[in-house]
Amino acid sequence: MSVTHSPEMHAQLIARIPTVTGRELSEWFDTLEEGPGLSRCLERTNWLADEYNLSHGYAQAIVQEYDRRRRNRTPIPNQRT
């Protein structure tokens, strides 16, 4: 079962992550990048929750925020010399 948080709830979860987990959001993003190559959101959420003993709510918020920020990155255009 997949649960999507409201934008307000998501923002609250993201704001509390450093306090609740003792790690900054950027550290969690690094953990996701260095972790197993899981492609589905639910797989990454379950892995993060199980591996780091996080609640599924916080794990899901981390994964969703990571995906959101990754989607919004502006690609660097190819440079020709």
N, C-alpha and C. Protein backbone atom coordinates (compact mmCIF):
# COMPACT_ATOMS: atom_id res chain seq x y z
N MET A 1 0.84 -1.17 0.00
CA MET A 1 0.00 0.00 0.00
C MET A 1 0.89 1.24 0.00
N SER A 2 0.66 2.13 -0.93
CA SER A 2 1.42 3.35 -1.04
C SER A 2 0.62 4.51 -0.45
N VAL A 3 1.28 5.32 0.35
CA VAL A 3 0.64 6.47 0.96
C VAL A 3 1.36 7.71 0.47
N THR A 4 0.60 8.67 0.01
CA THR A 4 1.18 9.94 -0.41
C THR A 4 0.78 10.98 0.61
N HIS A 5 1.78 11.66 1.14
CA HIS A 5 1.49 12.70 2.12
C HIS A 5 1.01 13.96 1.42
N SER A 6 0.19 14.73 2.13
CA SER A 6 -0.20 16.04 1.62
C SER A 6 1.05 16.91 1.56
N PRO A 7 1.05 17.96 0.75
CA PRO A 7 2.22 18.85 0.70
C PRO A 7 2.57 19.42 2.08
N GLU A 8 1.57 19.71 2.88
CA GLU A 8 1.83 20.27 4.22
C GLU A 8 2.50 19.24 5.13
N MET A 9 1.97 18.01 5.11
CA MET A 9 2.54 16.95 5.93
C MET A 9 3.96 16.63 5.46
N HIS A 10 4.17 16.59 4.16
CA HIS A 10 5.50 16.32 3.61
C HIS A 10 6.49 17.37 4.11
N ALA A 11 6.10 18.64 4.04
CA ALA A 11 6.98 19.73 4.49
C ALA A 11 7.30 19.59 5.98
N GLN A 12 6.32 19.20 6.77
CA GLN A 12 6.55 19.02 8.21
C GLN A 12 7.51 17.86 8.47
N LEU A 13 7.32 16.75 7.76
CA LEU A 13 8.22 15.60 7.92
C LEU A 13 9.64 15.97 7.53
N ILE A 14 9.80 16.64 6.40
CA ILE A 14 11.13 17.04 5.93
C ILE A 14 11.81 17.95 6.94
N ALA A 15 11.07 18.89 7.51
CA ALA A 15 11.63 19.83 8.49
C ALA A 15 12.09 19.11 9.75
N ARG A 16 11.44 18.03 10.12
CA ARG A 16 11.77 17.31 11.36
C ARG A 16 12.84 16.25 11.19
N ILE A 17 13.20 15.91 9.97
CA ILE A 17 14.14 14.81 9.75
C ILE A 17 15.45 14.97 10.50
N PRO A 18 16.12 16.13 10.45
CA PRO A 18 17.39 16.23 11.19
C PRO A 18 17.23 15.99 12.70
N THR A 19 16.15 16.49 13.27
CA THR A 19 15.92 16.32 14.71
C THR A 19 15.60 14.87 15.05
N VAL A 20 14.75 14.26 14.27
CA VAL A 20 14.29 12.90 14.56
C VAL A 20 15.37 11.86 14.25
N THR A 21 16.11 12.06 13.16
CA THR A 21 17.07 11.04 12.73
C THR A 21 18.51 11.32 13.13
N GLY A 22 18.81 12.58 13.46
CA GLY A 22 20.19 12.95 13.79
C GLY A 22 21.05 13.13 12.56
N ARG A 23 20.45 13.12 11.39
CA ARG A 23 21.18 13.30 10.13
C ARG A 23 20.47 14.33 9.28
N GLU A 24 21.27 15.13 8.57
CA GLU A 24 20.71 16.12 7.65
C GLU A 24 20.14 15.43 6.43
N LEU A 25 19.24 16.11 5.75
CA LEU A 25 18.62 15.58 4.55
C LEU A 25 19.67 15.25 3.49
N SER A 26 20.67 16.09 3.35
CA SER A 26 21.72 15.83 2.35
C SER A 26 22.45 14.52 2.64
N GLU A 27 22.60 14.17 3.91
CA GLU A 27 23.23 12.90 4.27
C GLU A 27 22.35 11.72 3.84
N TRP A 28 21.03 11.88 4.00
CA TRP A 28 20.12 10.82 3.56
C TRP A 28 20.15 10.68 2.05
N PHE A 29 20.27 11.82 1.34
CA PHE A 29 20.37 11.76 -0.13
C PHE A 29 21.64 11.00 -0.54
N ASP A 30 22.75 11.26 0.15
CA ASP A 30 23.99 10.53 -0.13
C ASP A 30 23.80 9.04 0.12
N THR A 31 23.09 8.71 1.19
CA THR A 31 22.82 7.31 1.52
C THR A 31 22.03 6.64 0.40
N LEU A 32 21.03 7.33 -0.12
CA LEU A 32 20.25 6.77 -1.23
C LEU A 32 21.11 6.58 -2.47
N GLU A 33 21.97 7.53 -2.75
CA GLU A 33 22.83 7.42 -3.94
C GLU A 33 23.84 6.29 -3.81
N GLU A 34 24.31 6.04 -2.60
CA GLU A 34 25.31 5.00 -2.37
C GLU A 34 24.69 3.64 -2.10
N GLY A 35 23.38 3.60 -1.90
CA GLY A 35 22.69 2.37 -1.56
C GLY A 35 22.49 1.47 -2.77
N PRO A 36 21.73 0.41 -2.57
CA PRO A 36 21.48 -0.52 -3.68
C PRO A 36 20.72 0.18 -4.81
N GLY A 37 20.89 -0.29 -6.00
CA GLY A 37 20.27 0.32 -7.18
C GLY A 37 18.80 -0.03 -7.33
N LEU A 38 18.02 0.32 -6.35
CA LEU A 38 16.58 0.06 -6.40
C LEU A 38 15.91 1.19 -7.17
N SER A 39 14.99 0.86 -8.05
CA SER A 39 14.39 1.89 -8.89
C SER A 39 13.02 2.35 -8.40
N ARG A 40 12.27 1.47 -7.78
CA ARG A 40 10.91 1.83 -7.35
C ARG A 40 10.94 2.56 -6.01
N CYS A 41 10.06 3.55 -5.90
CA CYS A 41 9.97 4.35 -4.68
C CYS A 41 9.71 3.48 -3.45
N LEU A 42 8.79 2.54 -3.57
CA LEU A 42 8.46 1.68 -2.44
C LEU A 42 9.64 0.81 -2.03
N GLU A 43 10.39 0.31 -2.99
CA GLU A 43 11.58 -0.50 -2.67
C GLU A 43 12.61 0.33 -1.91
N ARG A 44 12.86 1.55 -2.38
CA ARG A 44 13.84 2.41 -1.70
C ARG A 44 13.34 2.82 -0.33
N THR A 45 12.04 3.08 -0.21
CA THR A 45 11.46 3.42 1.09
C THR A 45 11.62 2.27 2.07
N ASN A 46 11.27 1.05 1.65
CA ASN A 46 11.39 -0.12 2.52
C ASN A 46 12.84 -0.37 2.90
N TRP A 47 13.76 -0.23 1.95
CA TRP A 47 15.18 -0.44 2.24
C TRP A 47 15.67 0.57 3.27
N LEU A 48 15.34 1.84 3.07
CA LEU A 48 15.77 2.89 4.00
C LEU A 48 15.19 2.65 5.38
N ALA A 49 13.91 2.33 5.45
CA ALA A 49 13.26 2.09 6.74
C ALA A 49 13.87 0.88 7.46
N ASP A 50 14.09 -0.19 6.72
CA ASP A 50 14.62 -1.41 7.33
C ASP A 50 16.10 -1.27 7.71
N GLU A 51 16.87 -0.71 6.82
CA GLU A 51 18.32 -0.62 7.02
C GLU A 51 18.69 0.37 8.13
N TYR A 52 17.92 1.45 8.25
CA TYR A 52 18.27 2.52 9.19
C TYR A 52 17.25 2.70 10.30
N ASN A 53 16.34 1.73 10.43
CA ASN A 53 15.35 1.74 11.50
C ASN A 53 14.55 3.04 11.54
N LEU A 54 14.10 3.48 10.37
CA LEU A 54 13.27 4.67 10.27
C LEU A 54 11.81 4.25 10.16
N SER A 55 10.92 5.14 10.57
CA SER A 55 9.51 4.88 10.30
C SER A 55 9.31 4.98 8.80
N HIS A 56 8.30 4.29 8.29
CA HIS A 56 8.04 4.35 6.86
C HIS A 56 7.64 5.75 6.42
N GLY A 57 7.01 6.51 7.31
CA GLY A 57 6.63 7.88 6.98
C GLY A 57 7.84 8.75 6.68
N TYR A 58 8.85 8.68 7.55
CA TYR A 58 10.06 9.47 7.32
C TYR A 58 10.85 8.94 6.13
N ALA A 59 10.94 7.64 6.01
CA ALA A 59 11.66 7.05 4.88
C ALA A 59 11.02 7.47 3.57
N GLN A 60 9.70 7.42 3.51
CA GLN A 60 9.00 7.82 2.29
C GLN A 60 9.20 9.29 2.00
N ALA A 61 9.16 10.14 3.02
CA ALA A 61 9.37 11.57 2.82
C ALA A 61 10.77 11.84 2.26
N ILE A 62 11.78 11.13 2.77
CA ILE A 62 13.15 11.29 2.28
C ILE A 62 13.23 10.89 0.81
N VAL A 63 12.68 9.74 0.47
CA VAL A 63 12.73 9.25 -0.91
C VAL A 63 11.98 10.19 -1.85
N GLN A 64 10.80 10.63 -1.44
CA GLN A 64 10.02 11.54 -2.29
C GLN A 64 10.73 12.87 -2.49
N GLU A 65 11.34 13.39 -1.44
CA GLU A 65 12.05 14.67 -1.56
C GLU A 65 13.28 14.50 -2.44
N TYR A 66 13.98 13.39 -2.29
CA TYR A 66 15.14 13.11 -3.14
C TYR A 66 14.71 13.06 -4.61
N ASP A 67 13.63 12.34 -4.90
CA ASP A 67 13.13 12.24 -6.27
C ASP A 67 12.68 13.60 -6.80
N ARG A 68 12.00 14.37 -5.97
CA ARG A 68 11.52 15.69 -6.39
C ARG A 68 12.69 16.60 -6.76
N ARG A 69 13.70 16.62 -5.91
CA ARG A 69 14.85 17.48 -6.19
C ARG A 69 15.64 16.98 -7.39
N ARG A 70 15.71 15.70 -7.54
CA ARG A 70 16.43 15.13 -8.68
C ARG A 70 15.73 15.48 -10.00
N ARG A 71 14.41 15.42 -10.00
CA ARG A 71 13.63 15.78 -11.20
C ARG A 71 13.82 17.24 -11.56
N ASN A 72 13.99 18.10 -10.57
CA ASN A 72 14.08 19.54 -10.80
C ASN A 72 15.48 20.02 -11.15
N ARG A 73 16.45 19.13 -11.15
CA ARG A 73 17.81 19.54 -11.53
C ARG A 73 17.82 19.94 -13.00
N THR A 74 18.55 20.98 -13.28
CA THR A 74 18.68 21.43 -14.66
C THR A 74 19.88 20.73 -15.27
N PRO A 75 19.67 20.00 -16.36
CA PRO A 75 20.82 19.33 -16.97
C PRO A 75 21.80 20.36 -17.55
N ILE A 76 23.07 20.00 -17.49
CA ILE A 76 24.12 20.85 -18.04
C ILE A 76 24.19 20.57 -19.54
N PRO A 77 24.05 21.61 -20.36
CA PRO A 77 24.10 21.39 -21.81
C PRO A 77 25.50 20.93 -22.24
N ASN A 78 25.54 20.17 -23.30
CA ASN A 78 26.84 19.73 -23.84
C ASN A 78 27.61 20.93 -24.33
N GLN A 79 28.87 20.98 -23.97
CA GLN A 79 29.72 22.09 -24.41
C GLN A 79 30.62 21.59 -25.50
N ARG A 80 30.71 22.37 -26.54
CA ARG A 80 31.61 22.02 -27.64
C ARG A 80 32.76 23.01 -27.64
N THR A 81 33.94 22.46 -27.84
CA THR A 81 35.13 23.33 -27.88
C THR A 81 35.69 23.42 -29.25
